[in-house]
Amino acid sequence: MIPPYRGTNMSSKQRVQITTQQKLEYAKVMVEDGYSSQQIQEINGAYSSAVVRWKRQCKEEMLSITPTNKTALTPEQQRIQDLEKQLARLSGLRIRSRDKRGGWVFIITLT
């Protein structure tokens, strides 16, 4: 079970430091166990927008969509990001990919 947030005053939230591993665990609890984002927000003290974002990102990564411009949550997608960085470094290319309404666009630029 995930330990509850032990903040003193929920009306004036302090910034909560949550690791990537914790974000993944919270997102999996929402996706796999049916917890609501409100329940997770009460447990960890994070803002609702962040909790919803973790859930959405987790679902995308479960569909093998590698996030761009942010750190992946799942170990598999983190490995893909690491390999893409290594490839770009070794080849002297900068590779970005994004989903354009069902199709993939790869942008390759020389560095």
PDB file of N, CA and C in Angstrom:
ATOM      1  N   MET A   1       0.847  -1.194   0.000  1.00  0.00           N
ATOM      2  CA  MET A   1       0.000   0.000   0.000  1.00  0.00           C
ATOM      3  C   MET A   1       0.878   1.238   0.000  1.00  0.00           C
ATOM      4  N   ILE A   2       0.442   2.259  -0.650  1.00  0.00           N
ATOM      5  CA  ILE A   2       1.166   3.511  -0.748  1.00  0.00           C
ATOM      6  C   ILE A   2       0.928   4.314   0.520  1.00  0.00           C
ATOM      7  N   PRO A   3       2.003   4.804   1.166  1.00  0.00           N
ATOM      8  CA  PRO A   3       1.812   5.580   2.394  1.00  0.00           C
ATOM      9  C   PRO A   3       1.130   6.914   2.114  1.00  0.00           C
ATOM     10  N   PRO A   4       0.258   7.373   3.005  1.00  0.00           N
ATOM     11  CA  PRO A   4      -0.449   8.641   2.787  1.00  0.00           C
ATOM     12  C   PRO A   4       0.450   9.849   2.975  1.00  0.00           C
ATOM     13  N   TYR A   5       0.040  10.943   2.381  1.00  0.00           N
ATOM     14  CA  TYR A   5       0.735  12.219   2.509  1.00  0.00           C
ATOM     15  C   TYR A   5       0.511  12.760   3.911  1.00  0.00           C
ATOM     16  N   ARG A   6       1.560  13.218   4.557  1.00  0.00           N
ATOM     17  CA  ARG A   6       1.461  13.701   5.930  1.00  0.00           C
ATOM     18  C   ARG A   6       1.700  15.211   6.022  1.00  0.00           C
ATOM     19  N   GLY A   7       1.077  15.959   5.139  1.00  0.00           N
ATOM     20  CA  GLY A   7       1.214  17.413   5.169  1.00  0.00           C
ATOM     21  C   GLY A   7       0.436  18.019   6.319  1.00  0.00           C
ATOM     22  N   THR A   8       0.827  19.220   6.728  1.00  0.00           N
ATOM     23  CA  THR A   8       0.165  19.848   7.859  1.00  0.00           C
ATOM     24  C   THR A   8      -1.056  20.649   7.440  1.00  0.00           C
ATOM     25  N   ASN A   9      -0.977  21.324   6.303  1.00  0.00           N
ATOM     26  CA  ASN A   9      -2.075  22.175   5.883  1.00  0.00           C
ATOM     27  C   ASN A   9      -2.271  22.016   4.382  1.00  0.00           C
ATOM     28  N   MET A  10      -3.323  21.335   3.984  1.00  0.00           N
ATOM     29  CA  MET A  10      -3.541  21.061   2.568  1.00  0.00           C
ATOM     30  C   MET A  10      -3.930  22.310   1.774  1.00  0.00           C
ATOM     31  N   SER A  11      -4.370  23.380   2.436  1.00  0.00           N
ATOM     32  CA  SER A  11      -4.759  24.571   1.691  1.00  0.00           C
ATOM     33  C   SER A  11      -3.547  25.334   1.178  1.00  0.00           C
ATOM     34  N   SER A  12      -2.411  25.200   1.827  1.00  0.00           N
ATOM     35  CA  SER A  12      -1.189  25.849   1.346  1.00  0.00           C
ATOM     36  C   SER A  12      -0.146  24.762   1.108  1.00  0.00           C
ATOM     37  N   LYS A  13      -0.225  24.143  -0.063  1.00  0.00           N
ATOM     38  CA  LYS A  13       0.644  23.020  -0.381  1.00  0.00           C
ATOM     39  C   LYS A  13       2.084  23.465  -0.548  1.00  0.00           C
ATOM     40  N   GLN A  14       2.962  22.624  -0.053  1.00  0.00           N
ATOM     41  CA  GLN A  14       4.373  22.813  -0.317  1.00  0.00           C
ATOM     42  C   GLN A  14       4.724  21.923  -1.503  1.00  0.00           C
ATOM     43  N   ARG A  15       5.786  22.274  -2.170  1.00  0.00           N
ATOM     44  CA  ARG A  15       6.202  21.473  -3.328  1.00  0.00           C
ATOM     45  C   ARG A  15       6.592  20.080  -2.854  1.00  0.00           C
ATOM     46  N   VAL A  16       6.017  19.070  -3.481  1.00  0.00           N
ATOM     47  CA  VAL A  16       6.265  17.688  -3.119  1.00  0.00           C
ATOM     48  C   VAL A  16       7.266  17.104  -4.107  1.00  0.00           C
ATOM     49  N   GLN A  17       8.348  16.526  -3.614  1.00  0.00           N
ATOM     50  CA  GLN A  17       9.349  15.890  -4.473  1.00  0.00           C
ATOM     51  C   GLN A  17       8.972  14.425  -4.656  1.00  0.00           C
ATOM     52  N   ILE A  18       8.680  14.036  -5.877  1.00  0.00           N
ATOM     53  CA  ILE A  18       8.267  12.675  -6.180  1.00  0.00           C
ATOM     54  C   ILE A  18       9.184  12.134  -7.272  1.00  0.00           C
ATOM     55  N   THR A  19       9.765  10.977  -7.027  1.00  0.00           N
ATOM     56  CA  THR A  19      10.681  10.381  -7.988  1.00  0.00           C
ATOM     57  C   THR A  19       9.918   9.801  -9.174  1.00  0.00           C
ATOM     58  N   THR A  20      10.648   9.519 -10.235  1.00  0.00           N
ATOM     59  CA  THR A  20      10.048   8.902 -11.415  1.00  0.00           C
ATOM     60  C   THR A  20       9.448   7.551 -11.054  1.00  0.00           C
ATOM     61  N   GLN A  21      10.142   6.791 -10.203  1.00  0.00           N
ATOM     62  CA  GLN A  21       9.640   5.490  -9.778  1.00  0.00           C
ATOM     63  C   GLN A  21       8.316   5.639  -9.021  1.00  0.00           C
ATOM     64  N   GLN A  22       8.224   6.642  -8.151  1.00  0.00           N
ATOM     65  CA  GLN A  22       6.986   6.873  -7.411  1.00  0.00           C
ATOM     66  C   GLN A  22       5.852   7.266  -8.355  1.00  0.00           C
ATOM     67  N   LYS A  23       6.162   8.115  -9.330  1.00  0.00           N
ATOM     68  CA  LYS A  23       5.144   8.512 -10.310  1.00  0.00           C
ATOM     69  C   LYS A  23       4.597   7.298 -11.036  1.00  0.00           C
ATOM     70  N   LEU A  24       5.501   6.387 -11.426  1.00  0.00           N
ATOM     71  CA  LEU A  24       5.078   5.169 -12.109  1.00  0.00           C
ATOM     72  C   LEU A  24       4.191   4.321 -11.201  1.00  0.00           C
ATOM     73  N   GLU A  25       4.573   4.188  -9.935  1.00  0.00           N
ATOM     74  CA  GLU A  25       3.772   3.394  -9.001  1.00  0.00           C
ATOM     75  C   GLU A  25       2.379   3.996  -8.819  1.00  0.00           C
ATOM     76  N   TYR A  26       2.301   5.303  -8.654  1.00  0.00           N
ATOM     77  CA  TYR A  26       1.003   5.964  -8.507  1.00  0.00           C
ATOM     78  C   TYR A  26       0.161   5.789  -9.774  1.00  0.00           C
ATOM     79  N   ALA A  27       0.794   5.954 -10.940  1.00  0.00           N
ATOM     80  CA  ALA A  27       0.066   5.821 -12.200  1.00  0.00           C
ATOM     81  C   ALA A  27      -0.455   4.392 -12.382  1.00  0.00           C
ATOM     82  N   LYS A  28       0.369   3.403 -12.032  1.00  0.00           N
ATOM     83  CA  LYS A  28      -0.066   2.005 -12.155  1.00  0.00           C
ATOM     84  C   LYS A  28      -1.234   1.710 -11.226  1.00  0.00           C
ATOM     85  N   VAL A  29      -1.229   2.289 -10.040  1.00  0.00           N
ATOM     86  CA  VAL A  29      -2.338   2.086  -9.107  1.00  0.00           C
ATOM     87  C   VAL A  29      -3.632   2.634  -9.710  1.00  0.00           C
ATOM     88  N   MET A  30      -3.536   3.773 -10.401  1.00  0.00           N
ATOM     89  CA  MET A  30      -4.728   4.331 -11.037  1.00  0.00           C
ATOM     90  C   MET A  30      -5.176   3.484 -12.220  1.00  0.00           C
ATOM     91  N   VAL A  31      -4.231   3.091 -13.082  1.00  0.00           N
ATOM     92  CA  VAL A  31      -4.567   2.360 -14.300  1.00  0.00           C
ATOM     93  C   VAL A  31      -4.985   0.926 -13.994  1.00  0.00           C
ATOM     94  N   GLU A  32      -4.225   0.237 -13.167  1.00  0.00           N
ATOM     95  CA  GLU A  32      -4.453  -1.196 -12.954  1.00  0.00           C
ATOM     96  C   GLU A  32      -5.422  -1.498 -11.809  1.00  0.00           C
ATOM     97  N   ASP A  33      -5.397  -0.681 -10.755  1.00  0.00           N
ATOM     98  CA  ASP A  33      -6.224  -0.971  -9.577  1.00  0.00           C
ATOM     99  C   ASP A  33      -7.460  -0.091  -9.469  1.00  0.00           C
ATOM    100  N   GLY A  34      -7.615   0.866 -10.384  1.00  0.00           N
ATOM    101  CA  GLY A  34      -8.825   1.668 -10.426  1.00  0.00           C
ATOM    102  C   GLY A  34      -8.916   2.812  -9.429  1.00  0.00           C
ATOM    103  N   TYR A  35      -7.779   3.200  -8.838  1.00  0.00           N
ATOM    104  CA  TYR A  35      -7.814   4.365  -7.957  1.00  0.00           C
ATOM    105  C   TYR A  35      -8.106   5.605  -8.786  1.00  0.00           C
ATOM    106  N   SER A  36      -8.787   6.569  -8.205  1.00  0.00           N
ATOM    107  CA  SER A  36      -9.059   7.824  -8.909  1.00  0.00           C
ATOM    108  C   SER A  36      -7.874   8.770  -8.714  1.00  0.00           C
ATOM    109  N   SER A  37      -7.786   9.756  -9.587  1.00  0.00           N
ATOM    110  CA  SER A  37      -6.712  10.742  -9.445  1.00  0.00           C
ATOM    111  C   SER A  37      -6.874  11.512  -8.135  1.00  0.00           C
ATOM    112  N   GLN A  38      -8.110  11.713  -7.688  1.00  0.00           N
ATOM    113  CA  GLN A  38      -8.364  12.395  -6.417  1.00  0.00           C
ATOM    114  C   GLN A  38      -7.792  11.587  -5.251  1.00  0.00           C
ATOM    115  N   GLN A  39      -7.973  10.268  -5.284  1.00  0.00           N
ATOM    116  CA  GLN A  39      -7.436   9.419  -4.219  1.00  0.00           C
ATOM    117  C   GLN A  39      -5.913   9.487  -4.180  1.00  0.00           C
ATOM    118  N   ILE A  40      -5.283   9.436  -5.340  1.00  0.00           N
ATOM    119  CA  ILE A  40      -3.819   9.507  -5.407  1.00  0.00           C
ATOM    120  C   ILE A  40      -3.342  10.879  -4.950  1.00  0.00           C
ATOM    121  N   GLN A  41      -4.066  11.907  -5.327  1.00  0.00           N
ATOM    122  CA  GLN A  41      -3.711  13.262  -4.905  1.00  0.00           C
ATOM    123  C   GLN A  41      -3.750  13.367  -3.383  1.00  0.00           C
ATOM    124  N   GLU A  42      -4.746  12.766  -2.751  1.00  0.00           N
ATOM    125  CA  GLU A  42      -4.845  12.797  -1.298  1.00  0.00           C
ATOM    126  C   GLU A  42      -3.732  11.978  -0.648  1.00  0.00           C
ATOM    127  N   ILE A  43      -3.320  10.895  -1.301  1.00  0.00           N
ATOM    128  CA  ILE A  43      -2.263  10.045  -0.750  1.00  0.00           C
ATOM    129  C   ILE A  43      -0.914  10.744  -0.792  1.00  0.00           C
ATOM    130  N   ASN A  44      -0.580  11.369  -1.928  1.00  0.00           N
ATOM    131  CA  ASN A  44       0.777  11.890  -2.082  1.00  0.00           C
ATOM    132  C   ASN A  44       0.902  13.405  -1.994  1.00  0.00           C
ATOM    133  N   GLY A  45      -0.186  14.133  -2.030  1.00  0.00           N
ATOM    134  CA  GLY A  45      -0.124  15.580  -1.884  1.00  0.00           C
ATOM    135  C   GLY A  45       0.251  16.344  -3.137  1.00  0.00           C
ATOM    136  N   ALA A  46       0.310  15.673  -4.273  1.00  0.00           N
ATOM    137  CA  ALA A  46       0.648  16.347  -5.528  1.00  0.00           C
ATOM    138  C   ALA A  46      -0.581  17.073  -6.079  1.00  0.00           C
ATOM    139  N   TYR A  47      -0.347  17.980  -6.990  1.00  0.00           N
ATOM    140  CA  TYR A  47      -1.450  18.689  -7.632  1.00  0.00           C
ATOM    141  C   TYR A  47      -2.186  17.753  -8.584  1.00  0.00           C
ATOM    142  N   SER A  48      -3.476  18.002  -8.760  1.00  0.00           N
ATOM    143  CA  SER A  48      -4.299  17.122  -9.594  1.00  0.00           C
ATOM    144  C   SER A  48      -3.814  17.090 -11.036  1.00  0.00           C
ATOM    145  N   SER A  49      -3.327  18.210 -11.561  1.00  0.00           N
ATOM    146  CA  SER A  49      -2.857  18.232 -12.947  1.00  0.00           C
ATOM    147  C   SER A  49      -1.661  17.299 -13.132  1.00  0.00           C
ATOM    148  N   ALA A  50      -0.792  17.223 -12.143  1.00  0.00           N
ATOM    149  CA  ALA A  50       0.369  16.334 -12.233  1.00  0.00           C
ATOM    150  C   ALA A  50      -0.070  14.879 -12.193  1.00  0.00           C
ATOM    151  N   VAL A  51      -1.003  14.560 -11.307  1.00  0.00           N
ATOM    152  CA  VAL A  51      -1.480  13.181 -11.171  1.00  0.00           C
ATOM    153  C   VAL A  51      -2.147  12.716 -12.460  1.00  0.00           C
ATOM    154  N   VAL A  52      -2.954  13.558 -13.058  1.00  0.00           N
ATOM    155  CA  VAL A  52      -3.617  13.221 -14.330  1.00  0.00           C
ATOM    156  C   VAL A  52      -2.570  13.033 -15.428  1.00  0.00           C
ATOM    157  N   ARG A  53      -1.541  13.869 -15.429  1.00  0.00           N
ATOM    158  CA  ARG A  53      -0.471  13.776 -16.425  1.00  0.00           C
ATOM    159  C   ARG A  53       0.287  12.448 -16.286  1.00  0.00           C
ATOM    160  N   TRP A  54       0.572  12.004 -15.046  1.00  0.00           N
ATOM    161  CA  TRP A  54       1.259  10.722 -14.834  1.00  0.00           C
ATOM    162  C   TRP A  54       0.422   9.571 -15.373  1.00  0.00           C
ATOM    163  N   LYS A  55      -0.874   9.627 -15.109  1.00  0.00           N
ATOM    164  CA  LYS A  55      -1.768   8.557 -15.566  1.00  0.00           C
ATOM    165  C   LYS A  55      -1.787   8.494 -17.091  1.00  0.00           C
ATOM    166  N   ARG A  56      -1.928   9.654 -17.730  1.00  0.00           N
ATOM    167  CA  ARG A  56      -1.963   9.714 -19.190  1.00  0.00           C
ATOM    168  C   ARG A  56      -0.640   9.208 -19.782  1.00  0.00           C
ATOM    169  N   GLN A  57       0.474   9.643 -19.193  1.00  0.00           N
ATOM    170  CA  GLN A  57       1.780   9.220 -19.690  1.00  0.00           C
ATOM    171  C   GLN A  57       1.977   7.716 -19.508  1.00  0.00           C
ATOM    172  N   CYS A  58       1.541   7.178 -18.395  1.00  0.00           N
ATOM    173  CA  CYS A  58       1.657   5.744 -18.145  1.00  0.00           C
ATOM    174  C   CYS A  58       0.865   4.951 -19.178  1.00  0.00           C
ATOM    175  N   LYS A  59      -0.356   5.384 -19.462  1.00  0.00           N
ATOM    176  CA  LYS A  59      -1.183   4.704 -20.464  1.00  0.00           C
ATOM    177  C   LYS A  59      -0.508   4.743 -21.834  1.00  0.00           C
ATOM    178  N   GLU A  60       0.065   5.890 -22.199  1.00  0.00           N
ATOM    179  CA  GLU A  60       0.746   6.023 -23.490  1.00  0.00           C
ATOM    180  C   GLU A  60       1.957   5.099 -23.557  1.00  0.00           C
ATOM    181  N   GLU A  61       2.724   5.055 -22.467  1.00  0.00           N
ATOM    182  CA  GLU A  61       3.910   4.204 -22.464  1.00  0.00           C
ATOM    183  C   GLU A  61       3.544   2.728 -22.508  1.00  0.00           C
ATOM    184  N   MET A  62       2.405   2.363 -21.934  1.00  0.00           N
ATOM    185  CA  MET A  62       1.940   0.975 -22.015  1.00  0.00           C
ATOM    186  C   MET A  62       1.567   0.608 -23.448  1.00  0.00           C
ATOM    187  N   LEU A  63       1.269   1.616 -24.267  1.00  0.00           N
ATOM    188  CA  LEU A  63       0.976   1.419 -25.690  1.00  0.00           C
ATOM    189  C   LEU A  63       2.236   1.586 -26.544  1.00  0.00           C
ATOM    190  N   SER A  64       3.396   1.607 -25.888  1.00  0.00           N
ATOM    191  CA  SER A  64       4.710   1.728 -26.547  1.00  0.00           C
ATOM    192  C   SER A  64       4.935   3.084 -27.199  1.00  0.00           C
ATOM    193  N   ILE A  65       4.349   4.131 -26.659  1.00  0.00           N
ATOM    194  CA  ILE A  65       4.589   5.485 -27.141  1.00  0.00           C
ATOM    195  C   ILE A  65       5.652   6.111 -26.238  1.00  0.00           C
ATOM    196  N   THR A  66       6.803   6.375 -26.812  1.00  0.00           N
ATOM    197  CA  THR A  66       7.903   6.962 -26.049  1.00  0.00           C
ATOM    198  C   THR A  66       7.678   8.467 -25.925  1.00  0.00           C
ATOM    199  N   PRO A  67       7.693   8.993 -24.694  1.00  0.00           N
ATOM    200  CA  PRO A  67       7.463  10.429 -24.531  1.00  0.00           C
ATOM    201  C   PRO A  67       8.641  11.244 -25.051  1.00  0.00           C
ATOM    202  N   THR A  68       8.332  12.422 -25.578  1.00  0.00           N
ATOM    203  CA  THR A  68       9.379  13.349 -26.016  1.00  0.00           C
ATOM    204  C   THR A  68       9.385  14.536 -25.067  1.00  0.00           C
ATOM    205  N   ASN A  69      10.545  15.095 -24.865  1.00  0.00           N
ATOM    206  CA  ASN A  69      10.735  16.273 -24.016  1.00  0.00           C
ATOM    207  C   ASN A  69      10.401  16.039 -22.550  1.00  0.00           C
ATOM    208  N   LYS A  70      10.367  14.778 -22.099  1.00  0.00           N
ATOM    209  CA  LYS A  70      10.184  14.472 -20.683  1.00  0.00           C
ATOM    210  C   LYS A  70      10.713  13.075 -20.425  1.00  0.00           C
ATOM    211  N   THR A  71      11.004  12.792 -19.178  1.00  0.00           N
ATOM    212  CA  THR A  71      11.551  11.495 -18.799  1.00  0.00           C
ATOM    213  C   THR A  71      10.453  10.442 -18.798  1.00  0.00           C
ATOM    214  N   ALA A  72      10.756   9.306 -19.386  1.00  0.00           N
ATOM    215  CA  ALA A  72       9.814   8.191 -19.412  1.00  0.00           C
ATOM    216  C   ALA A  72       9.629   7.636 -18.001  1.00  0.00           C
ATOM    217  N   LEU A  73       8.446   7.068 -17.751  1.00  0.00           N
ATOM    218  CA  LEU A  73       8.157   6.475 -16.454  1.00  0.00           C
ATOM    219  C   LEU A  73       8.563   5.004 -16.401  1.00  0.00           C
ATOM    220  N   THR A  74       8.267   4.264 -17.457  1.00  0.00           N
ATOM    221  CA  THR A  74       8.525   2.826 -17.439  1.00  0.00           C
ATOM    222  C   THR A  74       9.983   2.540 -17.804  1.00  0.00           C
ATOM    223  N   PRO A  75      10.550   1.485 -17.227  1.00  0.00           N
ATOM    224  CA  PRO A  75      11.941   1.136 -17.543  1.00  0.00           C
ATOM    225  C   PRO A  75      12.166   0.875 -19.029  1.00  0.00           C
ATOM    226  N   GLU A  76      11.193   0.287 -19.698  1.00  0.00           N
ATOM    227  CA  GLU A  76      11.330  -0.007 -21.118  1.00  0.00           C
ATOM    228  C   GLU A  76      11.466   1.276 -21.937  1.00  0.00           C
ATOM    229  N   GLN A  77      10.598   2.236 -21.654  1.00  0.00           N
ATOM    230  CA  GLN A  77      10.647   3.502 -22.400  1.00  0.00           C
ATOM    231  C   GLN A  77      11.878   4.323 -22.015  1.00  0.00           C
ATOM    232  N   GLN A  78      12.335   4.213 -20.766  1.00  0.00           N
ATOM    233  CA  GLN A  78      13.571   4.882 -20.356  1.00  0.00           C
ATOM    234  C   GLN A  78      14.749   4.322 -21.151  1.00  0.00           C
ATOM    235  N   ARG A  79      14.748   3.007 -21.352  1.00  0.00           N
ATOM    236  CA  ARG A  79      15.811   2.365 -22.129  1.00  0.00           C
ATOM    237  C   ARG A  79      15.776   2.848 -23.575  1.00  0.00           C
ATOM    238  N   ILE A  80      14.599   2.967 -24.142  1.00  0.00           N
ATOM    239  CA  ILE A  80      14.473   3.473 -25.512  1.00  0.00           C
ATOM    240  C   ILE A  80      15.028   4.890 -25.599  1.00  0.00           C
ATOM    241  N   GLN A  81      14.692   5.738 -24.627  1.00  0.00           N
ATOM    242  CA  GLN A  81      15.224   7.105 -24.626  1.00  0.00           C
ATOM    243  C   GLN A  81      16.747   7.110 -24.536  1.00  0.00           C
ATOM    244  N   ASP A  82      17.301   6.249 -23.682  1.00  0.00           N
ATOM    245  CA  ASP A  82      18.758   6.168 -23.558  1.00  0.00           C
ATOM    246  C   ASP A  82      19.400   5.735 -24.868  1.00  0.00           C
ATOM    247  N   LEU A  83      18.821   4.737 -25.528  1.00  0.00           N
ATOM    248  CA  LEU A  83      19.363   4.259 -26.800  1.00  0.00           C
ATOM    249  C   LEU A  83      19.261   5.324 -27.889  1.00  0.00           C
ATOM    250  N   GLU A  84      18.160   6.079 -27.905  1.00  0.00           N
ATOM    251  CA  GLU A  84      18.021   7.161 -28.885  1.00  0.00           C
ATOM    252  C   GLU A  84      19.086   8.227 -28.660  1.00  0.00           C
ATOM    253  N   LYS A  85      19.374   8.541 -27.409  1.00  0.00           N
ATOM    254  CA  LYS A  85      20.429   9.520 -27.105  1.00  0.00           C
ATOM    255  C   LYS A  85      21.794   9.011 -27.549  1.00  0.00           C
ATOM    256  N   GLN A  86      22.074   7.739 -27.281  1.00  0.00           N
ATOM    257  CA  GLN A  86      23.346   7.154 -27.691  1.00  0.00           C
ATOM    258  C   GLN A  86      23.491   7.161 -29.209  1.00  0.00           C
ATOM    259  N   LEU A  87      22.433   6.782 -29.895  1.00  0.00           N
ATOM    260  CA  LEU A  87      22.456   6.769 -31.356  1.00  0.00           C
ATOM    261  C   LEU A  87      22.715   8.166 -31.902  1.00  0.00           C
ATOM    262  N   ALA A  88      22.028   9.144 -31.360  1.00  0.00           N
ATOM    263  CA  ALA A  88      22.202  10.518 -31.830  1.00  0.00           C
ATOM    264  C   ALA A  88      23.628  10.998 -31.570  1.00  0.00           C
ATOM    265  N   ARG A  89      24.164  10.664 -30.408  1.00  0.00           N
ATOM    266  CA  ARG A  89      25.518  11.079 -30.058  1.00  0.00           C
ATOM    267  C   ARG A  89      26.537  10.423 -30.986  1.00  0.00           C
ATOM    268  N   LEU A  90      26.378   9.133 -31.257  1.00  0.00           N
ATOM    269  CA  LEU A  90      27.324   8.401 -32.093  1.00  0.00           C
ATOM    270  C   LEU A  90      27.242   8.800 -33.558  1.00  0.00           C
ATOM    271  N   SER A  91      26.060   9.105 -34.027  1.00  0.00           N
ATOM    272  CA  SER A  91      25.905   9.404 -35.447  1.00  0.00           C
ATOM    273  C   SER A  91      25.989  10.899 -35.755  1.00  0.00           C
ATOM    274  N   GLY A  92      26.014  11.730 -34.737  1.00  0.00           N
ATOM    275  CA  GLY A  92      26.058  13.164 -34.976  1.00  0.00           C
ATOM    276  C   GLY A  92      24.734  13.721 -35.451  1.00  0.00           C
ATOM    277  N   LEU A  93      23.672  12.992 -35.223  1.00  0.00           N
ATOM    278  CA  LEU A  93      22.345  13.416 -35.640  1.00  0.00           C
ATOM    279  C   LEU A  93      21.484  13.687 -34.424  1.00  0.00           C
ATOM    280  N   ARG A  94      20.523  14.544 -34.606  1.00  0.00           N
ATOM    281  CA  ARG A  94      19.520  14.785 -33.572  1.00  0.00           C
ATOM    282  C   ARG A  94      18.210  14.214 -34.087  1.00  0.00           C
ATOM    283  N   ILE A  95      17.666  13.241 -33.353  1.00  0.00           N
ATOM    284  CA  ILE A  95      16.453  12.564 -33.805  1.00  0.00           C
ATOM    285  C   ILE A  95      15.317  12.870 -32.840  1.00  0.00           C
ATOM    286  N   ARG A  96      14.230  13.371 -33.388  1.00  0.00           N
ATOM    287  CA  ARG A  96      13.017  13.598 -32.604  1.00  0.00           C
ATOM    288  C   ARG A  96      11.883  12.909 -33.328  1.00  0.00           C
ATOM    289  N   SER A  97      10.983  12.332 -32.550  1.00  0.00           N
ATOM    290  CA  SER A  97       9.819  11.710 -33.167  1.00  0.00           C
ATOM    291  C   SER A  97       8.572  12.184 -32.446  1.00  0.00           C
ATOM    292  N   ARG A  98       7.501  12.316 -33.179  1.00  0.00           N
ATOM    293  CA  ARG A  98       6.235  12.673 -32.554  1.00  0.00           C
ATOM    294  C   ARG A  98       5.092  12.088 -33.346  1.00  0.00           C
ATOM    295  N   ASP A  99       4.035  11.884 -32.627  1.00  0.00           N
ATOM    296  CA  ASP A  99       2.838  11.302 -33.216  1.00  0.00           C
ATOM    297  C   ASP A  99       2.003  12.433 -33.806  1.00  0.00           C
ATOM    298  N   LYS A 100       1.746  12.367 -35.077  1.00  0.00           N
ATOM    299  CA  LYS A 100       0.910  13.366 -35.756  1.00  0.00           C
ATOM    300  C   LYS A 100      -0.410  12.710 -36.157  1.00  0.00           C
ATOM    301  N   ARG A 101      -1.343  12.671 -35.180  1.00  0.00           N
ATOM    302  CA  ARG A 101      -2.677  12.121 -35.437  1.00  0.00           C
ATOM    303  C   ARG A 101      -2.639  10.746 -36.094  1.00  0.00           C
ATOM    304  N   GLY A 102      -1.971   9.834 -35.408  1.00  0.00           N
ATOM    305  CA  GLY A 102      -1.946   8.464 -35.884  1.00  0.00           C
ATOM    306  C   GLY A 102      -0.743   8.106 -36.736  1.00  0.00           C
ATOM    307  N   GLY A 103       0.036   9.094 -37.182  1.00  0.00           N
ATOM    308  CA  GLY A 103       1.218   8.814 -37.986  1.00  0.00           C
ATOM    309  C   GLY A 103       2.464   9.332 -37.292  1.00  0.00           C
ATOM    310  N   TRP A 104       3.571   8.708 -37.549  1.00  0.00           N
ATOM    311  CA  TRP A 104       4.812   9.131 -36.920  1.00  0.00           C
ATOM    312  C   TRP A 104       5.610  10.016 -37.854  1.00  0.00           C
ATOM    313  N   VAL A 105       6.194  11.066 -37.297  1.00  0.00           N
ATOM    314  CA  VAL A 105       7.048  11.982 -38.035  1.00  0.00           C
ATOM    315  C   VAL A 105       8.408  11.959 -37.359  1.00  0.00           C
ATOM    316  N   PHE A 106       9.456  11.651 -38.110  1.00  0.00           N
ATOM    317  CA  PHE A 106      10.802  11.657 -37.556  1.00  0.00           C
ATOM    318  C   PHE A 106      11.534  12.866 -38.107  1.00  0.00           C
ATOM    319  N   ILE A 107      12.096  13.658 -37.216  1.00  0.00           N
ATOM    320  CA  ILE A 107      12.824  14.854 -37.609  1.00  0.00           C
ATOM    321  C   ILE A 107      14.292  14.597 -37.314  1.00  0.00           C
ATOM    322  N   ILE A 108      15.121  14.614 -38.350  1.00  0.00           N
ATOM    323  CA  ILE A 108      16.536  14.327 -38.194  1.00  0.00           C
ATOM    324  C   ILE A 108      17.308  15.549 -38.671  1.00  0.00           C
ATOM    325  N   THR A 109      18.158  16.064 -37.799  1.00  0.00           N
ATOM    326  CA  THR A 109      18.961  17.221 -38.161  1.00  0.00           C
ATOM    327  C   THR A 109      20.415  16.915 -37.847  1.00  0.00           C
ATOM    328  N   LEU A 110      21.328  17.425 -38.653  1.00  0.00           N
ATOM    329  CA  LEU A 110      22.750  17.269 -38.415  1.00  0.00           C
ATOM    330  C   LEU A 110      23.185  18.232 -37.334  1.00  0.00           C
ATOM    331  N   THR A 111      24.062  17.760 -36.444  1.00  0.00           N
ATOM    332  CA  THR A 111      24.565  18.632 -35.378  1.00  0.00           C
ATOM    333  C   THR A 111      26.006  18.967 -35.616  1.00  0.00           C
TER     334      THR A 111
END
